[in-house]
Amino acid sequence: MIWVYMIKNKGKRLYTGVTDSPERRLVEHNNKKGANFTKNNPSFEIVFLEEYSYYKQARLREIQIKKWSRGKKEILIKRYLQGLKTKL
């Protein structure tokens, strides 16, 4: 499985990416490995995940989300987090 993810740090900075292991990727970001953006903005947590069967699908979704305004991304995150709470 391939995942589109969004992470947010304490300064409310958002980063969107694609990975086959969200947990591993989060550790890498928080250890300043990988994307230059996250190297300079540590202490991230996962705030959004979407699962895909194919990398191409996930990549297209990542590109779509990255083009969105901050407000639209926050709505997506809010809906995702509310969905998690109803499943618990």
PDB file of N, CA and C in Angstrom:
ATOM      1  N   MET A   1       0.812  -1.180   0.000  1.00  0.00           N
ATOM      2  CA  MET A   1       0.000   0.000   0.000  1.00  0.00           C
ATOM      3  C   MET A   1       0.864   1.255   0.000  1.00  0.00           C
ATOM      4  N   ILE A   2       0.347   2.275  -0.615  1.00  0.00           N
ATOM      5  CA  ILE A   2       1.013   3.570  -0.701  1.00  0.00           C
ATOM      6  C   ILE A   2       0.099   4.588  -0.023  1.00  0.00           C
ATOM      7  N   TRP A   3       0.704   5.498   0.683  1.00  0.00           N
ATOM      8  CA  TRP A   3      -0.048   6.475   1.455  1.00  0.00           C
ATOM      9  C   TRP A   3       0.285   7.910   1.035  1.00  0.00           C
ATOM     10  N   VAL A   4      -0.756   8.730   0.945  1.00  0.00           N
ATOM     11  CA  VAL A   4      -0.587  10.182   0.879  1.00  0.00           C
ATOM     12  C   VAL A   4      -0.740  10.637   2.324  1.00  0.00           C
ATOM     13  N   TYR A   5       0.170  11.476   2.779  1.00  0.00           N
ATOM     14  CA  TYR A   5       0.115  11.915   4.168  1.00  0.00           C
ATOM     15  C   TYR A   5       0.336  13.412   4.272  1.00  0.00           C
ATOM     16  N   MET A   6      -0.197  13.969   5.337  1.00  0.00           N
ATOM     17  CA  MET A   6       0.112  15.345   5.707  1.00  0.00           C
ATOM     18  C   MET A   6       0.582  15.308   7.150  1.00  0.00           C
ATOM     19  N   ILE A   7       1.630  16.064   7.400  1.00  0.00           N
ATOM     20  CA  ILE A   7       2.158  16.193   8.750  1.00  0.00           C
ATOM     21  C   ILE A   7       2.166  17.668   9.121  1.00  0.00           C
ATOM     22  N   LYS A   8       2.034  17.928  10.416  1.00  0.00           N
ATOM     23  CA  LYS A   8       2.006  19.305  10.913  1.00  0.00           C
ATOM     24  C   LYS A   8       2.934  19.384  12.116  1.00  0.00           C
ATOM     25  N   ASN A   9       3.677  20.489  12.214  1.00  0.00           N
ATOM     26  CA  ASN A   9       4.547  20.656  13.381  1.00  0.00           C
ATOM     27  C   ASN A   9       3.910  21.613  14.377  1.00  0.00           C
ATOM     28  N   LYS A  10       4.601  21.851  15.467  1.00  0.00           N
ATOM     29  CA  LYS A  10       4.064  22.713  16.528  1.00  0.00           C
ATOM     30  C   LYS A  10       3.843  24.140  16.053  1.00  0.00           C
ATOM     31  N   GLY A  11       4.592  24.544  15.047  1.00  0.00           N
ATOM     32  CA  GLY A  11       4.424  25.877  14.462  1.00  0.00           C
ATOM     33  C   GLY A  11       3.325  25.925  13.421  1.00  0.00           C
ATOM     34  N   LYS A  12       2.556  24.834  13.317  1.00  0.00           N
ATOM     35  CA  LYS A  12       1.415  24.724  12.385  1.00  0.00           C
ATOM     36  C   LYS A  12       1.817  24.657  10.927  1.00  0.00           C
ATOM     37  N   ARG A  13       3.086  24.354  10.662  1.00  0.00           N
ATOM     38  CA  ARG A  13       3.547  24.190   9.272  1.00  0.00           C
ATOM     39  C   ARG A  13       3.088  22.833   8.758  1.00  0.00           C
ATOM     40  N   LEU A  14       2.608  22.781   7.517  1.00  0.00           N
ATOM     41  CA  LEU A  14       2.122  21.545   6.900  1.00  0.00           C
ATOM     42  C   LEU A  14       3.088  21.054   5.833  1.00  0.00           C
ATOM     43  N   TYR A  15       3.186  19.734   5.730  1.00  0.00           N
ATOM     44  CA  TYR A  15       3.956  19.111   4.656  1.00  0.00           C
ATOM     45  C   TYR A  15       3.130  17.949   4.132  1.00  0.00           C
ATOM     46  N   THR A  16       3.071  17.796   2.817  1.00  0.00           N
ATOM     47  CA  THR A  16       2.337  16.713   2.166  1.00  0.00           C
ATOM     48  C   THR A  16       3.318  15.848   1.400  1.00  0.00           C
ATOM     49  N   GLY A  17       3.146  14.522   1.495  1.00  0.00           N
ATOM     50  CA  GLY A  17       4.043  13.615   0.802  1.00  0.00           C
ATOM     51  C   GLY A  17       3.397  12.266   0.523  1.00  0.00           C
ATOM     52  N   VAL A  18       4.194  11.372  -0.072  1.00  0.00           N
ATOM     53  CA  VAL A  18       3.771  10.012  -0.411  1.00  0.00           C
ATOM     54  C   VAL A  18       4.805   9.050   0.160  1.00  0.00           C
ATOM     55  N   THR A  19       4.329   7.928   0.715  1.00  0.00           N
ATOM     56  CA  THR A  19       5.245   6.942   1.289  1.00  0.00           C
ATOM     57  C   THR A  19       4.590   5.575   1.341  1.00  0.00           C
ATOM     58  N   ASP A  20       5.410   4.549   1.500  1.00  0.00           N
ATOM     59  CA  ASP A  20       4.880   3.197   1.725  1.00  0.00           C
ATOM     60  C   ASP A  20       4.849   2.856   3.212  1.00  0.00           C
ATOM     61  N   SER A  21       5.374   3.761   4.053  1.00  0.00           N
ATOM     62  CA  SER A  21       5.386   3.540   5.498  1.00  0.00           C
ATOM     63  C   SER A  21       5.277   4.881   6.228  1.00  0.00           C
ATOM     64  N   PRO A  22       4.065   5.302   6.556  1.00  0.00           N
ATOM     65  CA  PRO A  22       3.895   6.607   7.208  1.00  0.00           C
ATOM     66  C   PRO A  22       4.661   6.729   8.529  1.00  0.00           C
ATOM     67  N   GLU A  23       4.683   5.685   9.325  1.00  0.00           N
ATOM     68  CA  GLU A  23       5.370   5.744  10.613  1.00  0.00           C
ATOM     69  C   GLU A  23       6.872   5.944  10.430  1.00  0.00           C
ATOM     70  N   ARG A  24       7.469   5.177   9.516  1.00  0.00           N
ATOM     71  CA  ARG A  24       8.901   5.308   9.237  1.00  0.00           C
ATOM     72  C   ARG A  24       9.214   6.699   8.701  1.00  0.00           C
ATOM     73  N   ARG A  25       8.367   7.174   7.797  1.00  0.00           N
ATOM     74  CA  ARG A  25       8.605   8.478   7.177  1.00  0.00           C
ATOM     75  C   ARG A  25       8.515   9.600   8.203  1.00  0.00           C
ATOM     76  N   LEU A  26       7.580   9.484   9.147  1.00  0.00           N
ATOM     77  CA  LEU A  26       7.465  10.480  10.200  1.00  0.00           C
ATOM     78  C   LEU A  26       8.738  10.522  11.037  1.00  0.00           C
ATOM     79  N   VAL A  27       9.268   9.367  11.369  1.00  0.00           N
ATOM     80  CA  VAL A  27      10.529   9.305  12.130  1.00  0.00           C
ATOM     81  C   VAL A  27      11.648   9.969  11.330  1.00  0.00           C
ATOM     82  N   GLU A  28      11.706   9.695  10.042  1.00  0.00           N
ATOM     83  CA  GLU A  28      12.737  10.304   9.198  1.00  0.00           C
ATOM     84  C   GLU A  28      12.604  11.835   9.193  1.00  0.00           C
ATOM     85  N   HIS A  29      11.379  12.317   9.007  1.00  0.00           N
ATOM     86  CA  HIS A  29      11.173  13.775   9.009  1.00  0.00           C
ATOM     87  C   HIS A  29      11.606  14.384  10.341  1.00  0.00           C
ATOM     88  N   ASN A  30      11.222  13.751  11.429  1.00  0.00           N
ATOM     89  CA  ASN A  30      11.540  14.300  12.751  1.00  0.00           C
ATOM     90  C   ASN A  30      13.011  14.151  13.113  1.00  0.00           C
ATOM     91  N   ASN A  31      13.735  13.309  12.381  1.00  0.00           N
ATOM     92  CA  ASN A  31      15.181  13.182  12.545  1.00  0.00           C
ATOM     93  C   ASN A  31      15.935  13.966  11.482  1.00  0.00           C
ATOM     94  N   LYS A  32      15.208  14.880  10.823  1.00  0.00           N
ATOM     95  CA  LYS A  32      15.780  15.793   9.825  1.00  0.00           C
ATOM     96  C   LYS A  32      16.397  15.072   8.636  1.00  0.00           C
ATOM     97  N   LYS A  33      15.756  13.966   8.224  1.00  0.00           N
ATOM     98  CA  LYS A  33      16.179  13.229   7.028  1.00  0.00           C
ATOM     99  C   LYS A  33      15.089  13.375   5.982  1.00  0.00           C
ATOM    100  N   GLY A  34      15.483  13.551   4.752  1.00  0.00           N
ATOM    101  CA  GLY A  34      14.503  13.649   3.684  1.00  0.00           C
ATOM    102  C   GLY A  34      14.329  15.072   3.191  1.00  0.00           C
ATOM    103  N   ALA A  35      13.084  15.492   3.130  1.00  0.00           N
ATOM    104  CA  ALA A  35      12.725  16.784   2.537  1.00  0.00           C
ATOM    105  C   ALA A  35      13.388  17.957   3.260  1.00  0.00           C
ATOM    106  N   ASN A  36      13.904  18.902   2.482  1.00  0.00           N
ATOM    107  CA  ASN A  36      14.538  20.091   3.061  1.00  0.00           C
ATOM    108  C   ASN A  36      13.577  20.867   3.959  1.00  0.00           C
ATOM    109  N   PHE A  37      12.326  20.921   3.583  1.00  0.00           N
ATOM    110  CA  PHE A  37      11.341  21.644   4.381  1.00  0.00           C
ATOM    111  C   PHE A  37      11.275  21.097   5.801  1.00  0.00           C
ATOM    112  N   THR A  38      11.233  19.779   5.932  1.00  0.00           N
ATOM    113  CA  THR A  38      11.100  19.192   7.266  1.00  0.00           C
ATOM    114  C   THR A  38      12.416  19.214   8.039  1.00  0.00           C
ATOM    115  N   LYS A  39      13.534  19.325   7.344  1.00  0.00           N
ATOM    116  CA  LYS A  39      14.816  19.433   8.037  1.00  0.00           C
ATOM    117  C   LYS A  39      14.879  20.706   8.873  1.00  0.00           C
ATOM    118  N   ASN A  40      14.243  21.747   8.397  1.00  0.00           N
ATOM    119  CA  ASN A  40      14.263  23.038   9.079  1.00  0.00           C
ATOM    120  C   ASN A  40      13.059  23.259   9.989  1.00  0.00           C
ATOM    121  N   ASN A  41      12.125  22.322  10.012  1.00  0.00           N
ATOM    122  CA  ASN A  41      10.885  22.457  10.784  1.00  0.00           C
ATOM    123  C   ASN A  41      10.551  21.133  11.474  1.00  0.00           C
ATOM    124  N   PRO A  42      11.297  20.725  12.504  1.00  0.00           N
ATOM    125  CA  PRO A  42      11.067  19.414  13.111  1.00  0.00           C
ATOM    126  C   PRO A  42       9.827  19.359  14.009  1.00  0.00           C
ATOM    127  N   SER A  43       9.631  18.223  14.646  1.00  0.00           N
ATOM    128  CA  SER A  43       8.530  17.961  15.589  1.00  0.00           C
ATOM    129  C   SER A  43       7.178  17.836  14.891  1.00  0.00           C
ATOM    130  N   PHE A  44       7.105  17.004  13.898  1.00  0.00           N
ATOM    131  CA  PHE A  44       5.874  16.787  13.151  1.00  0.00           C
ATOM    132  C   PHE A  44       5.047  15.659  13.744  1.00  0.00           C
ATOM    133  N   GLU A  45       3.736  15.716  13.463  1.00  0.00           N
ATOM    134  CA  GLU A  45       2.834  14.614  13.752  1.00  0.00           C
ATOM    135  C   GLU A  45       1.958  14.404  12.522  1.00  0.00           C
ATOM    136  N   ILE A  46       1.506  13.176  12.324  1.00  0.00           N
ATOM    137  CA  ILE A  46       0.642  12.869  11.185  1.00  0.00           C
ATOM    138  C   ILE A  46      -0.754  13.394  11.478  1.00  0.00           C
ATOM    139  N   VAL A  47      -1.302  14.156  10.519  1.00  0.00           N
ATOM    140  CA  VAL A  47      -2.644  14.705  10.688  1.00  0.00           C
ATOM    141  C   VAL A  47      -3.601  14.245   9.584  1.00  0.00           C
ATOM    142  N   PHE A  48      -3.066  13.515   8.587  1.00  0.00           N
ATOM    143  CA  PHE A  48      -3.906  13.036   7.492  1.00  0.00           C
ATOM    144  C   PHE A  48      -3.232  11.870   6.794  1.00  0.00           C
ATOM    145  N   LEU A  49      -4.012  10.825   6.491  1.00  0.00           N
ATOM    146  CA  LEU A  49      -3.534   9.680   5.718  1.00  0.00           C
ATOM    147  C   LEU A  49      -4.620   9.213   4.760  1.00  0.00           C
ATOM    148  N   GLU A  50      -4.231   8.888   3.539  1.00  0.00           N
ATOM    149  CA  GLU A  50      -5.106   8.252   2.552  1.00  0.00           C
ATOM    150  C   GLU A  50      -4.327   7.106   1.932  1.00  0.00           C
ATOM    151  N   GLU A  51      -4.964   5.968   1.811  1.00  0.00           N
ATOM    152  CA  GLU A  51      -4.311   4.760   1.304  1.00  0.00           C
ATOM    153  C   GLU A  51      -4.658   4.543  -0.170  1.00  0.00           C
ATOM    154  N   TYR A  52      -3.647   4.131  -0.937  1.00  0.00           N
ATOM    155  CA  TYR A  52      -3.821   3.836  -2.355  1.00  0.00           C
ATOM    156  C   TYR A  52      -3.124   2.526  -2.701  1.00  0.00           C
ATOM    157  N   SER A  53      -3.626   1.883  -3.731  1.00  0.00           N
ATOM    158  CA  SER A  53      -3.030   0.625  -4.181  1.00  0.00           C
ATOM    159  C   SER A  53      -1.811   0.854  -5.061  1.00  0.00           C
ATOM    160  N   TYR A  54      -1.804   1.977  -5.769  1.00  0.00           N
ATOM    161  CA  TYR A  54      -0.738   2.241  -6.723  1.00  0.00           C
ATOM    162  C   TYR A  54      -0.078   3.590  -6.473  1.00  0.00           C
ATOM    163  N   TYR A  55       1.219   3.639  -6.676  1.00  0.00           N
ATOM    164  CA  TYR A  55       1.980   4.858  -6.462  1.00  0.00           C
ATOM    165  C   TYR A  55       1.458   6.001  -7.331  1.00  0.00           C
ATOM    166  N   LYS A  56       1.137   5.714  -8.580  1.00  0.00           N
ATOM    167  CA  LYS A  56       0.688   6.764  -9.502  1.00  0.00           C
ATOM    168  C   LYS A  56      -0.569   7.453  -8.975  1.00  0.00           C
ATOM    169  N   GLN A  57      -1.515   6.678  -8.432  1.00  0.00           N
ATOM    170  CA  GLN A  57      -2.732   7.255  -7.864  1.00  0.00           C
ATOM    171  C   GLN A  57      -2.392   8.183  -6.697  1.00  0.00           C
ATOM    172  N   ALA A  58      -1.526   7.699  -5.830  1.00  0.00           N
ATOM    173  CA  ALA A  58      -1.139   8.476  -4.648  1.00  0.00           C
ATOM    174  C   ALA A  58      -0.418   9.756  -5.053  1.00  0.00           C
ATOM    175  N   ARG A  59       0.449   9.651  -6.018  1.00  0.00           N
ATOM    176  CA  ARG A  59       1.212  10.815  -6.469  1.00  0.00           C
ATOM    177  C   ARG A  59       0.293  11.884  -7.063  1.00  0.00           C
ATOM    178  N   LEU A  60      -0.702  11.451  -7.841  1.00  0.00           N
ATOM    179  CA  LEU A  60      -1.657  12.405  -8.414  1.00  0.00           C
ATOM    180  C   LEU A  60      -2.443  13.115  -7.312  1.00  0.00           C
ATOM    181  N   ARG A  61      -2.830  12.368  -6.285  1.00  0.00           N
ATOM    182  CA  ARG A  61      -3.553  12.967  -5.163  1.00  0.00           C
ATOM    183  C   ARG A  61      -2.662  13.941  -4.392  1.00  0.00           C
ATOM    184  N   GLU A  62      -1.399  13.566  -4.186  1.00  0.00           N
ATOM    185  CA  GLU A  62      -0.447  14.458  -3.517  1.00  0.00           C
ATOM    186  C   GLU A  62      -0.339  15.782  -4.268  1.00  0.00           C
ATOM    187  N   ILE A  63      -0.186  15.708  -5.567  1.00  0.00           N
ATOM    188  CA  ILE A  63      -0.067  16.910  -6.396  1.00  0.00           C
ATOM    189  C   ILE A  63      -1.329  17.758  -6.264  1.00  0.00           C
ATOM    190  N   GLN A  64      -2.491  17.111  -6.284  1.00  0.00           N
ATOM    191  CA  GLN A  64      -3.753  17.828  -6.138  1.00  0.00           C
ATOM    192  C   GLN A  64      -3.806  18.575  -4.811  1.00  0.00           C
ATOM    193  N   ILE A  65      -3.499  17.884  -3.720  1.00  0.00           N
ATOM    194  CA  ILE A  65      -3.554  18.500  -2.393  1.00  0.00           C
ATOM    195  C   ILE A  65      -2.558  19.639  -2.271  1.00  0.00           C
ATOM    196  N   LYS A  66      -1.360  19.468  -2.811  1.00  0.00           N
ATOM    197  CA  LYS A  66      -0.341  20.513  -2.714  1.00  0.00           C
ATOM    198  C   LYS A  66      -0.767  21.810  -3.406  1.00  0.00           C
ATOM    199  N   LYS A  67      -1.653  21.723  -4.373  1.00  0.00           N
ATOM    200  CA  LYS A  67      -2.137  22.905  -5.082  1.00  0.00           C
ATOM    201  C   LYS A  67      -3.233  23.635  -4.312  1.00  0.00           C
ATOM    202  N   TRP A  68      -3.800  22.989  -3.316  1.00  0.00           N
ATOM    203  CA  TRP A  68      -4.906  23.569  -2.562  1.00  0.00           C
ATOM    204  C   TRP A  68      -4.454  24.698  -1.652  1.00  0.00           C
ATOM    205  N   SER A  69      -5.412  25.533  -1.284  1.00  0.00           N
ATOM    206  CA  SER A  69      -5.160  26.583  -0.298  1.00  0.00           C
ATOM    207  C   SER A  69      -5.002  25.949   1.084  1.00  0.00           C
ATOM    208  N   ARG A  70      -4.431  26.700   1.990  1.00  0.00           N
ATOM    209  CA  ARG A  70      -4.283  26.233   3.365  1.00  0.00           C
ATOM    210  C   ARG A  70      -5.648  25.904   3.977  1.00  0.00           C
ATOM    211  N   GLY A  71      -6.629  26.739   3.708  1.00  0.00           N
ATOM    212  CA  GLY A  71      -7.965  26.523   4.252  1.00  0.00           C
ATOM    213  C   GLY A  71      -8.581  25.208   3.807  1.00  0.00           C
ATOM    214  N   LYS A  72      -8.424  24.887   2.544  1.00  0.00           N
ATOM    215  CA  LYS A  72      -8.973  23.636   2.018  1.00  0.00           C
ATOM    216  C   LYS A  72      -8.254  22.430   2.626  1.00  0.00           C
ATOM    217  N   LYS A  73      -6.942  22.542   2.810  1.00  0.00           N
ATOM    218  CA  LYS A  73      -6.185  21.459   3.455  1.00  0.00           C
ATOM    219  C   LYS A  73      -6.654  21.261   4.893  1.00  0.00           C
ATOM    220  N   GLU A  74      -6.906  22.360   5.602  1.00  0.00           N
ATOM    221  CA  GLU A  74      -7.356  22.275   6.998  1.00  0.00           C
ATOM    222  C   GLU A  74      -8.728  21.602   7.097  1.00  0.00           C
ATOM    223  N   ILE A  75      -9.605  21.857   6.137  1.00  0.00           N
ATOM    224  CA  ILE A  75     -10.914  21.195   6.108  1.00  0.00           C
ATOM    225  C   ILE A  75     -10.726  19.693   5.924  1.00  0.00           C
ATOM    226  N   LEU A  76      -9.851  19.290   5.012  1.00  0.00           N
ATOM    227  CA  LEU A  76      -9.567  17.875   4.787  1.00  0.00           C
ATOM    228  C   LEU A  76      -9.015  17.223   6.053  1.00  0.00           C
ATOM    229  N   ILE A  77      -8.098  17.895   6.713  1.00  0.00           N
ATOM    230  CA  ILE A  77      -7.518  17.376   7.958  1.00  0.00           C
ATOM    231  C   ILE A  77      -8.598  17.242   9.028  1.00  0.00           C
ATOM    232  N   LYS A  78      -9.427  18.249   9.169  1.00  0.00           N
ATOM    233  CA  LYS A  78     -10.488  18.223  10.182  1.00  0.00           C
ATOM    234  C   LYS A  78     -11.425  17.048   9.957  1.00  0.00           C
ATOM    235  N   ARG A  79     -11.834  16.839   8.723  1.00  0.00           N
ATOM    236  CA  ARG A  79     -12.726  15.713   8.402  1.00  0.00           C
ATOM    237  C   ARG A  79     -12.041  14.380   8.678  1.00  0.00           C
ATOM    238  N   TYR A  80     -10.771  14.285   8.336  1.00  0.00           N
ATOM    239  CA  TYR A  80     -10.017  13.054   8.591  1.00  0.00           C
ATOM    240  C   TYR A  80      -9.944  12.772  10.092  1.00  0.00           C
ATOM    241  N   LEU A  81      -9.587  13.770  10.879  1.00  0.00           N
ATOM    242  CA  LEU A  81      -9.443  13.586  12.324  1.00  0.00           C
ATOM    243  C   LEU A  81     -10.787  13.304  12.984  1.00  0.00           C
ATOM    244  N   GLN A  82     -11.859  13.905  12.513  1.00  0.00           N
ATOM    245  CA  GLN A  82     -13.189  13.603  13.038  1.00  0.00           C
ATOM    246  C   GLN A  82     -13.576  12.163  12.737  1.00  0.00           C
ATOM    247  N   GLY A  83     -13.205  11.694  11.561  1.00  0.00           N
ATOM    248  CA  GLY A  83     -13.476  10.297  11.195  1.00  0.00           C
ATOM    249  C   GLY A  83     -12.742   9.323  12.099  1.00  0.00           C
ATOM    250  N   LEU A  84     -11.520   9.675  12.486  1.00  0.00           N
ATOM    251  CA  LEU A  84     -10.764   8.819  13.412  1.00  0.00           C
ATOM    252  C   LEU A  84     -11.465   8.743  14.765  1.00  0.00           C
ATOM    253  N   LYS A  85     -11.954   9.855  15.244  1.00  0.00           N
ATOM    254  CA  LYS A  85     -12.615   9.893  16.556  1.00  0.00           C
ATOM    255  C   LYS A  85     -13.889   9.052  16.557  1.00  0.00           C
ATOM    256  N   THR A  86     -14.628   9.019  15.451  1.00  0.00           N
ATOM    257  CA  THR A  86     -15.860   8.236  15.411  1.00  0.00           C
ATOM    258  C   THR A  86     -15.576   6.741  15.323  1.00  0.00           C
ATOM    259  N   LYS A  87     -14.373   6.365  14.889  1.00  0.00           N
ATOM    260  CA  LYS A  87     -13.996   4.955  14.794  1.00  0.00           C
ATOM    261  C   LYS A  87     -13.483   4.404  16.112  1.00  0.00           C
ATOM    262  N   LEU A  88     -13.082   5.279  17.033  1.00  0.00           N
ATOM    263  CA  LEU A  88     -12.533   4.843  18.322  1.00  0.00           C
ATOM    264  C   LEU A  88     -13.608   4.411  19.283  1.00  0.00           C
TER     265      LEU A  88
END
